[in-house]
Amino acid sequence: MSKGVEPTITLTDEGEWWVARDTETGVSSQGRTKETALENLDEALAGYRGEGEEPTDGELRELGIDPENNESGSLDDSEIFE
């Protein structure tokens, strides 16, 4: 976040989901409740700023990414993008 700038967050009801968006960074997240959407936005912003931990090799493999080659393969073969 820039110094001296108040964060501006939009919170939108999208039916079954609430969408929270930080207008400065463009980072967005969602949740079934307003509170969850805002909590998820906090987590997404932390990742955007480089905070958090790198995934383990096991976590990458679960996502279909080969950590040795840093390749995910075809999106068509991934269960994540169904």
Protein backbone atom coordinates (compact mmCIF):
# COMPACT_ATOMS: atom_id res chain seq x y z
CA MET A 1 0.00 0.00 0.00
CA SER A 2 1.26 3.47 -0.84
CA LYS A 3 2.21 5.73 2.05
CA GLY A 4 -0.39 8.34 2.89
CA VAL A 5 -3.11 6.66 0.86
CA GLU A 6 -6.18 5.29 2.58
CA PRO A 7 -7.08 1.86 1.23
CA THR A 8 -10.23 1.77 -0.82
CA ILE A 9 -12.09 -1.49 -0.86
CA THR A 10 -15.25 -2.20 -2.79
CA LEU A 11 -17.59 -4.88 -1.53
CA THR A 12 -20.20 -6.16 -3.96
CA ASP A 13 -23.04 -8.64 -3.48
CA GLU A 14 -22.91 -11.01 -6.47
CA GLY A 15 -25.79 -13.28 -5.47
CA GLU A 16 -24.34 -16.24 -3.60
CA TRP A 17 -20.93 -14.56 -3.29
CA TRP A 18 -19.54 -11.32 -1.92
CA VAL A 19 -16.64 -9.88 -3.90
CA ALA A 20 -14.07 -7.68 -2.15
CA ARG A 21 -11.65 -5.66 -4.27
CA ASP A 22 -8.74 -3.44 -3.31
CA THR A 23 -8.93 -0.59 -5.82
CA GLU A 24 -5.27 0.43 -5.43
CA THR A 25 -3.83 -2.97 -6.39
CA GLY A 26 -6.75 -4.49 -8.29
CA VAL A 27 -6.53 -7.60 -6.09
CA SER A 28 -9.93 -9.25 -5.61
CA SER A 29 -11.30 -12.11 -3.58
CA GLN A 30 -14.67 -13.56 -2.69
CA GLY A 31 -16.57 -15.32 0.06
CA ARG A 32 -20.07 -16.46 0.95
CA THR A 33 -20.28 -13.69 3.58
CA LYS A 34 -18.94 -10.14 3.68
CA GLU A 35 -16.60 -11.10 6.50
CA THR A 36 -15.20 -14.09 4.60
CA ALA A 37 -14.70 -12.02 1.45
CA LEU A 38 -12.74 -9.43 3.44
CA GLU A 39 -10.67 -12.09 5.23
CA ASN A 40 -9.88 -13.72 1.89
CA LEU A 41 -8.92 -10.31 0.46
CA ASP A 42 -6.49 -9.80 3.36
CA GLU A 43 -4.87 -13.15 2.53
CA ALA A 44 -4.75 -12.36 -1.20
CA LEU A 45 -3.16 -8.97 -0.52
CA ALA A 46 -0.54 -10.58 1.69
CA GLY A 47 0.37 -12.89 -1.19
CA TYR A 48 0.38 -9.97 -3.60
CA ARG A 49 2.90 -8.22 -1.35
CA GLY A 50 5.13 -11.30 -1.23
CA GLU A 51 4.21 -12.42 2.27
CA GLY A 52 3.46 -16.01 3.13
CA GLU A 53 5.25 -19.25 2.50
CA GLU A 54 6.24 -20.98 -0.71
CA PRO A 55 4.31 -24.17 -1.44
CA THR A 56 5.99 -27.48 -0.70
CA ASP A 57 6.88 -29.90 -3.48
CA GLY A 58 4.00 -32.09 -2.33
CA GLU A 59 1.52 -29.23 -2.56
CA LEU A 60 2.75 -28.40 -6.06
CA ARG A 61 2.36 -32.02 -7.13
CA GLU A 62 -1.23 -32.04 -5.80
CA LEU A 63 -1.91 -29.10 -8.11
CA GLY A 64 -0.44 -30.94 -11.10
CA ILE A 65 2.85 -28.99 -11.13
CA ASP A 66 6.14 -30.85 -11.45
CA PRO A 67 8.49 -29.02 -9.05
CA GLU A 68 11.55 -30.49 -10.79
CA ASN A 69 10.64 -28.91 -14.13
CA ASN A 70 8.38 -26.15 -12.79
CA GLU A 71 5.84 -27.11 -15.41
CA SER A 72 2.14 -27.53 -14.98
CA GLY A 73 1.40 -29.25 -18.25
CA SER A 74 -1.82 -28.67 -20.13
CA LEU A 75 -4.62 -26.73 -18.48
CA ASP A 76 -6.99 -29.26 -20.08
CA ASP A 77 -5.41 -31.99 -17.93
CA SER A 78 -5.75 -30.07 -14.67
CA GLU A 79 -8.67 -30.69 -12.33
CA ILE A 80 -8.26 -27.16 -10.96
CA PHE A 81 -9.46 -25.51 -14.16
CA GLU A 82 -12.55 -27.64 -14.74
